[in-house]
Amino acid sequence: MNTTRNMMPSVSAALLWLALVVAPAHALAPAAGAPPLAGPYLDKAGGLTNQDLKGKVVYVDFWASWCGPCRASFPVLDKLYGQHKDKGFVVVGVNQDDRPEDARLFLARIPASFPLLADPEHRLAEAFEVKGMPSAVLIDRKGIVRHVHRGFRAGDEREIAARIEQLLEEQPCGAQLC
């Protein structure tokens, strides 16, 4: 089996990447309500619903097997998820591969314990106005976008962790329940 060929982007993934690179600069903005986040799991039966995320701080990470920076971000996100999941934090990885087997090969080498969704038709990426890989959206407990993060470079983990911790310290919905 030629794993190099399996890790190369498909034509539609390459076209998505090209569209994202040359797309207009506007994207989902902080202070906006987050689009619905629901879909089938990539690695198991069933799927995620908006109700599963209600009242949680959510880091939505759009990734693909062919994305180099995604290889660096996954261990960081998995560590943050492990540290904060008991405090109401969840990472949701949204895969953009056209072929689920490409994502599974990636995960065999770089596993993740956080929920993973399949988005081969890029509907969630479109709803979240993704402009490149990886892209992430940090959503507060009220469902409001608080930060959009594009790319992943060494040192980004400190900023991401600080933003997550800040949102976890905020009162969920004031004196009332979400």
Protein backbone atom coordinates (compact mmCIF):
# COMPACT_ATOMS: atom_id res chain seq x y z
CA MET A 1 0.00 0.00 0.00
CA ASN A 2 1.39 3.37 -0.95
CA THR A 3 0.80 5.58 2.12
CA THR A 4 2.29 8.63 0.43
CA ARG A 5 -0.44 8.50 -2.18
CA ASN A 6 -3.07 8.01 0.54
CA MET A 7 -1.91 11.11 2.41
CA MET A 8 -1.98 13.37 -0.66
CA PRO A 9 -5.00 15.64 -0.96
CA SER A 10 -7.71 14.60 -3.34
CA VAL A 11 -8.72 16.91 -6.13
CA SER A 12 -11.69 18.32 -4.24
CA ALA A 13 -9.59 18.82 -1.09
CA ALA A 14 -7.02 20.67 -3.18
CA LEU A 15 -9.78 22.80 -4.68
CA LEU A 16 -11.12 23.55 -1.19
CA TRP A 17 -7.64 24.58 -0.09
CA LEU A 18 -7.26 26.80 -3.16
CA ALA A 19 -10.67 28.38 -2.55
CA LEU A 20 -9.74 29.05 1.06
CA VAL A 21 -6.43 30.65 0.14
CA VAL A 22 -7.88 33.00 -2.47
CA ALA A 23 -11.17 33.60 -0.64
CA PRO A 24 -12.06 37.05 0.62
CA ALA A 25 -10.49 38.02 3.93
CA HIS A 26 -13.78 38.21 5.84
CA ALA A 27 -14.59 35.26 8.07
CA LEU A 28 -16.67 34.36 11.08
CA ALA A 29 -16.09 37.15 13.57
CA PRO A 30 -15.80 37.21 17.34
CA ALA A 31 -18.98 38.32 19.14
CA ALA A 32 -21.17 36.53 16.59
CA GLY A 33 -23.36 33.62 17.53
CA ALA A 34 -21.74 30.35 16.49
CA PRO A 35 -23.37 28.39 13.68
CA PRO A 36 -24.94 25.05 14.61
CA LEU A 37 -22.30 22.41 15.21
CA ALA A 38 -23.65 18.94 14.63
CA GLY A 39 -22.69 15.99 12.49
CA PRO A 40 -21.64 12.37 12.30
CA TYR A 41 -18.66 11.14 14.24
CA LEU A 42 -15.62 10.29 12.14
CA ASP A 43 -14.38 7.41 14.27
CA LYS A 44 -17.50 5.81 15.76
CA ALA A 45 -21.24 5.42 15.30
CA GLY A 46 -23.58 8.25 16.10
CA GLY A 47 -23.01 11.94 16.01
CA LEU A 48 -22.66 15.16 17.93
CA THR A 49 -25.56 17.53 18.49
CA ASN A 50 -25.77 21.13 19.64
CA GLN A 51 -27.39 19.87 22.84
CA ASP A 52 -24.19 17.93 23.64
CA LEU A 53 -22.29 21.23 23.69
CA LYS A 54 -24.78 23.42 25.54
CA GLY A 55 -23.15 25.36 28.38
CA LYS A 56 -19.61 24.28 27.43
CA VAL A 57 -16.57 26.16 26.22
CA VAL A 58 -15.95 24.69 22.76
CA TYR A 59 -12.81 24.80 20.62
CA VAL A 60 -13.82 23.81 17.08
CA ASP A 61 -10.75 22.72 15.12
CA PHE A 62 -10.99 22.27 11.35
CA TRP A 63 -8.27 19.90 10.15
CA ALA A 64 -7.22 17.55 7.34
CA SER A 65 -4.75 14.68 7.01
CA TRP A 66 -2.70 16.62 4.44
CA CYS A 67 -2.31 19.67 6.71
CA GLY A 68 1.22 19.90 8.15
CA PRO A 69 0.38 22.28 11.02
CA CYS A 70 -2.49 19.98 12.02
CA ARG A 71 0.11 17.35 12.92
CA ALA A 72 1.61 19.79 15.43
CA SER A 73 -1.70 21.08 16.80
CA PHE A 74 -3.37 17.74 17.54
CA PRO A 75 -1.17 16.72 20.51
CA VAL A 76 -1.56 20.22 21.98
CA LEU A 77 -5.34 20.18 21.61
CA ASP A 78 -5.55 16.66 23.04
CA LYS A 79 -3.55 17.76 26.08
CA LEU A 80 -5.74 20.85 26.61
CA TYR A 81 -8.86 18.69 26.29
CA GLY A 82 -7.55 16.25 28.88
CA GLN A 83 -6.66 19.05 31.29
CA HIS A 84 -9.97 20.93 31.07
CA LYS A 85 -12.75 18.53 30.00
CA ASP A 86 -13.94 18.12 33.60
CA LYS A 87 -14.41 21.91 33.79
CA GLY A 88 -16.85 22.07 30.87
CA PHE A 89 -14.39 22.31 27.97
CA VAL A 90 -14.52 20.30 24.76
CA VAL A 91 -12.46 20.23 21.59
CA VAL A 92 -14.39 19.20 18.48
CA GLY A 93 -12.17 18.21 15.57
CA VAL A 94 -13.92 18.64 12.23
CA ASN A 95 -12.18 16.65 9.51
CA GLN A 96 -12.11 18.05 5.97
CA ASP A 97 -10.77 15.01 4.12
CA ASP A 98 -12.90 13.74 1.25
CA ARG A 99 -11.94 10.17 2.10
CA PRO A 100 -12.42 9.01 5.71
CA GLU A 101 -9.58 6.51 5.29
CA ASP A 102 -7.11 9.41 4.93
CA ALA A 103 -8.27 10.79 8.28
CA ARG A 104 -8.04 7.34 9.89
CA LEU A 105 -4.42 6.95 8.71
CA PHE A 106 -3.63 10.35 10.25
CA LEU A 107 -5.29 9.36 13.53
CA ALA A 108 -3.41 6.04 13.64
CA ARG A 109 -0.20 8.09 13.89
CA ILE A 110 -1.52 11.07 15.83
CA PRO A 111 -4.43 9.93 18.02
CA ALA A 112 -6.93 12.23 19.67
CA SER A 113 -9.30 11.63 22.59
CA PHE A 114 -11.63 14.53 21.79
CA PRO A 115 -14.76 14.18 19.61
CA LEU A 116 -14.09 14.02 15.87
CA LEU A 117 -16.65 14.85 13.20
CA ALA A 118 -16.60 14.01 9.50
CA ASP A 119 -17.30 16.91 7.13
CA PRO A 120 -16.38 15.56 3.67
CA GLU A 121 -18.82 17.88 1.93
CA HIS A 122 -17.39 20.86 3.85
CA ARG A 123 -20.79 22.07 5.08
CA LEU A 124 -19.52 22.88 8.58
CA ALA A 125 -16.41 24.53 7.14
CA GLU A 126 -18.65 26.71 4.99
CA ALA A 127 -20.96 27.58 7.90
CA PHE A 128 -17.95 28.54 10.04
CA GLU A 129 -16.40 30.45 7.10
CA VAL A 130 -13.11 28.55 7.30
CA LYS A 131 -10.37 30.32 5.34
CA GLY A 132 -7.41 27.93 5.73
CA MET A 133 -6.09 24.84 7.49
CA PRO A 134 -6.02 24.49 10.37
CA SER A 135 -8.65 26.98 11.50
CA ALA A 136 -10.27 27.07 14.89
CA VAL A 137 -13.16 28.87 16.53
CA LEU A 138 -13.38 29.28 20.31
CA ILE A 139 -16.97 29.49 21.54
CA ASP A 140 -18.04 30.50 25.05
CA ARG A 141 -20.66 28.79 27.21
CA LYS A 142 -23.40 31.02 25.74
CA GLY A 143 -22.62 29.96 22.16
CA ILE A 144 -20.83 33.20 21.23
CA VAL A 145 -17.68 33.14 19.11
CA ARG A 146 -14.92 34.65 21.22
CA HIS A 147 -11.84 33.98 19.09
CA VAL A 148 -10.90 32.76 15.62
CA HIS A 149 -7.45 31.21 15.25
CA ARG A 150 -5.88 30.47 11.86
CA GLY A 151 -2.88 28.23 11.36
CA PHE A 152 -0.73 26.75 14.08
CA ARG A 153 2.84 27.68 14.92
CA ALA A 154 5.15 26.94 17.83
CA GLY A 155 4.09 29.12 20.75
CA ASP A 156 0.40 29.30 19.74
CA GLU A 157 -0.44 26.82 22.49
CA ARG A 158 0.20 29.46 25.20
CA GLU A 159 -2.28 31.92 23.67
CA ILE A 160 -4.87 29.20 23.05
CA ALA A 161 -4.54 27.84 26.61
CA ALA A 162 -4.87 31.34 28.11
CA ARG A 163 -8.04 32.07 26.11
CA ILE A 164 -9.58 28.73 27.11
CA GLU A 165 -8.75 29.25 30.79
CA GLN A 166 -10.23 32.77 30.68
CA LEU A 167 -13.53 31.47 29.27
CA LEU A 168 -13.64 28.61 31.78
CA GLU A 169 -13.33 31.12 34.63
CA GLU A 170 -16.27 33.18 33.40
CA GLN A 171 -19.62 32.49 35.01
CA PRO A 172 -21.64 30.31 32.61
CA CYS A 173 -24.68 32.57 32.23
CA GLY A 174 -24.66 34.95 35.16
CA ALA A 175 -26.96 33.95 38.01
CA GLN A 176 -29.14 31.85 35.72
CA LEU A 177 -28.49 28.52 34.11
CA CYS A 178 -27.68 28.32 30.41
